[in-house]
Protein backbone atom coordinates (compact mmCIF):
# COMPACT_ATOMS: atom_id res chain seq x y z
CA UNK A 1 -18.45 -8.89 10.35
CA UNK A 2 -15.97 -6.02 10.27
CA UNK A 3 -14.99 -4.95 6.77
CA UNK A 4 -11.32 -4.49 5.97
CA UNK A 5 -10.75 -1.08 4.41
CA UNK A 6 -8.00 0.78 2.66
CA UNK A 7 -7.18 3.20 -0.09
CA UNK A 8 -4.67 5.44 -1.74
CA UNK A 9 -2.67 8.26 -0.21
CA UNK A 10 -4.76 11.08 -1.67
CA UNK A 11 -8.18 9.50 -0.94
CA UNK A 12 -9.40 9.38 -4.56
CA UNK A 13 -9.64 5.56 -4.43
CA UNK A 14 -11.00 3.60 -1.45
CA UNK A 15 -11.93 -0.05 -1.08
CA UNK A 16 -13.38 -2.58 1.34
CA UNK A 17 -13.17 -6.37 1.42
CA UNK A 18 -14.45 -9.23 3.55
CA UNK A 19 -11.22 -11.15 4.14
CA UNK A 20 -7.52 -11.14 3.34
CA UNK A 21 -5.55 -14.34 2.89
CA UNK A 22 -1.96 -15.37 2.16
CA UNK A 23 -0.26 -12.10 3.10
CA UNK A 24 3.10 -12.16 1.35
CA UNK A 25 6.15 -10.16 0.48
CA UNK A 26 7.21 -10.49 -3.15
CA UNK A 27 10.81 -9.78 -4.10
CA UNK A 28 10.43 -10.22 -7.88
CA UNK A 29 11.80 -7.46 -10.07
CA UNK A 30 8.32 -6.61 -11.39
CA UNK A 31 7.05 -6.00 -7.84
CA UNK A 32 10.14 -3.95 -7.02
CA UNK A 33 9.49 -1.67 -9.98
CA UNK A 34 5.71 -1.50 -9.43
CA UNK A 35 6.06 -0.57 -5.75
CA UNK A 36 9.18 1.56 -6.03
CA UNK A 37 10.57 -0.47 -3.15
CA UNK A 38 12.87 -3.40 -2.47
CA UNK A 39 9.83 -5.71 -2.23
CA UNK A 40 6.04 -5.50 -2.36
CA UNK A 41 3.60 -6.75 0.29
CA UNK A 42 0.26 -8.13 -0.97
CA UNK A 43 -2.65 -10.25 0.24
CA UNK A 44 -5.47 -12.00 -1.62
CA UNK A 45 -8.72 -10.08 -1.11
CA UNK A 46 -12.16 -11.73 -1.00
CA UNK A 47 -15.31 -9.68 -1.52
CA UNK A 48 -13.44 -6.58 -2.73
CA UNK A 49 -15.54 -3.54 -3.64
CA UNK A 50 -14.42 -0.06 -4.65
CA UNK A 51 -16.12 2.42 -2.32
CA UNK A 52 -14.68 5.59 -3.89
CA UNK A 53 -13.24 5.80 -7.36
CA UNK A 54 -11.45 2.92 -9.01
CA UNK A 55 -7.81 2.31 -9.79
CA UNK A 56 -6.22 2.81 -13.17
CA UNK A 57 -4.55 -0.39 -14.35
CA UNK A 58 -1.30 -1.26 -16.09
CA UNK A 59 -0.74 -4.67 -17.71
CA UNK A 60 2.72 -5.38 -16.26
CA UNK A 61 2.78 -8.72 -18.10
CA UNK A 62 0.59 -10.88 -20.30
CA UNK A 63 -0.68 -12.52 -17.09
CA UNK A 64 -1.27 -9.69 -14.64
CA UNK A 65 -2.44 -6.13 -14.19
CA UNK A 66 -1.48 -3.69 -11.48
CA UNK A 67 -4.00 -1.22 -10.08
CA UNK A 68 -2.89 2.19 -8.83
CA UNK A 69 -4.38 5.60 -8.09
CA UNK A 70 -4.18 7.74 -11.22
CA UNK A 71 -4.03 10.88 -9.03
CA UNK A 72 -1.30 10.07 -6.48
CA UNK A 73 0.27 6.86 -7.82
CA UNK A 74 -0.32 4.65 -4.77
CA UNK A 75 0.04 0.95 -5.74
CA UNK A 76 -3.25 -0.77 -4.85
CA UNK A 77 -3.62 -4.17 -6.54
CA UNK A 78 -1.98 -7.07 -8.29
CA UNK A 79 -4.63 -8.81 -10.43
CA UNK A 80 -4.42 -12.13 -12.27
CA UNK A 81 -7.07 -14.61 -13.45
CA UNK A 82 -9.99 -13.91 -11.07
CA UNK A 83 -7.71 -13.09 -8.13
CA UNK A 84 -7.12 -9.61 -6.76
CA UNK A 85 -4.37 -8.99 -4.26
CA UNK A 86 -4.36 -5.66 -2.41
CA UNK A 87 -1.18 -3.91 -1.36
CA UNK A 88 -0.81 -4.28 2.39
CA UNK A 89 0.59 -0.77 2.78
CA UNK A 90 -2.68 0.66 1.39
CA UNK A 91 -4.72 -0.90 4.22
CA UNK A 92 -6.09 1.40 6.91
CA UNK A 93 -4.57 -1.01 9.46
CA UNK A 94 -1.59 -2.70 7.79
CA UNK A 95 -0.27 -3.99 11.14
CA UNK A 96 -3.28 -6.33 11.34
CA UNK A 97 -2.04 -8.37 8.38
CA UNK A 98 1.63 -9.33 8.76
CA UNK A 99 3.14 -11.32 5.90
CA UNK A 100 3.38 -15.09 6.36
CA UNK A 101 5.60 -15.93 3.36
CA UNK A 102 8.22 -14.41 1.07
CA UNK A 103 8.17 -15.15 -2.65
CA UNK A 104 10.27 -14.20 -5.68
CA UNK A 105 13.48 -14.84 -3.75
CA UNK A 106 15.47 -15.20 -6.98
CA UNK A 107 15.29 -11.37 -7.24
CA UNK A 108 15.66 -10.55 -3.55
CA UNK A 109 18.33 -7.93 -3.05
CA UNK A 110 21.17 -9.33 -0.98
CA UNK A 111 21.11 -6.56 1.64
CA UNK A 112 17.41 -6.94 2.47
CA UNK A 113 18.16 -9.68 4.99
CA UNK A 114 20.45 -7.27 6.86
CA UNK A 115 17.94 -4.40 7.18
CA UNK A 116 17.11 -5.12 10.86
CA UNK A 117 20.81 -4.60 11.72
CA UNK A 118 20.93 -1.05 10.34
CA UNK A 119 21.17 1.86 12.78
CA UNK A 120 17.80 3.37 13.73
CA UNK A 121 16.91 7.06 13.93
CA UNK A 122 13.64 7.97 15.63
CA UNK A 123 12.17 11.02 13.89
CA UNK A 124 9.90 11.80 16.84
CA UNK A 125 12.84 12.32 19.22
CA UNK A 126 15.24 14.05 16.84
CA UNK A 127 15.27 17.86 17.37
CA UNK A 128 16.19 18.45 13.72
CA UNK A 129 13.38 16.21 12.47
CA UNK A 130 10.89 17.62 14.98
CA UNK A 131 11.46 21.15 13.65
CA UNK A 132 10.84 19.97 10.09
CA UNK A 133 7.82 17.85 11.02
CA UNK A 134 6.25 20.80 12.89
CA UNK A 135 6.00 22.62 9.55
CA UNK A 136 4.40 19.72 7.65
CA UNK A 137 0.72 20.01 6.73
CA UNK A 138 -0.37 16.55 5.65
CA UNK A 139 -2.65 16.17 2.64
CA UNK A 140 -2.74 12.43 3.11
CA UNK A 141 -6.13 10.78 3.48
CA UNK A 142 -6.70 9.52 7.05
CA UNK A 143 -6.71 5.79 7.74
CA UNK A 144 -10.50 5.50 7.78
CA UNK A 145 -13.41 6.11 5.42
CA UNK A 146 -14.59 9.67 4.92
CA UNK A 147 -17.77 10.98 3.33
CA UNK A 148 -15.95 13.63 1.35
CA UNK A 149 -12.30 14.10 0.52
CA UNK A 150 -10.57 16.47 0.54
CA UNK A 151 -12.37 18.45 3.24
CA UNK A 152 -13.94 21.69 2.02
CA UNK A 153 -11.61 23.75 4.21
CA UNK A 154 -8.45 22.25 2.67
CA UNK A 155 -7.21 22.24 -0.89
CA UNK A 156 -5.28 19.18 -2.04
């Protein structure tokens, strides 16, 4: 069985799990604030283990805690009862787990439904963006497990 893996942006926290179920997008105001986005994508994880570090947690309500990397701030979990949801954007392969339901619609921002109609700008083909991107040296952890992070030849 192939393990599902993921982690934070800086690589300080990594995880693996056996399965993901009920991939969702939550529009509630708490998820908006916790993710810093218009909505938050999560999926219920089974067999979750922390393979490097462990998230810091914030009790966002009397019912739930949110796990995040204390070093880079990446949102990692939504935890309640004995259930742990992982943030789909923290997966090494987020495209493998598309959401199947939207929840918290009472807080959904009205313009979210119109996002697909917005004009698109491809950074890879824009000369201005290409010049900027050519100067970028990424310190982001790669989308796979590593023995050591950061590499010895690179300072975070």
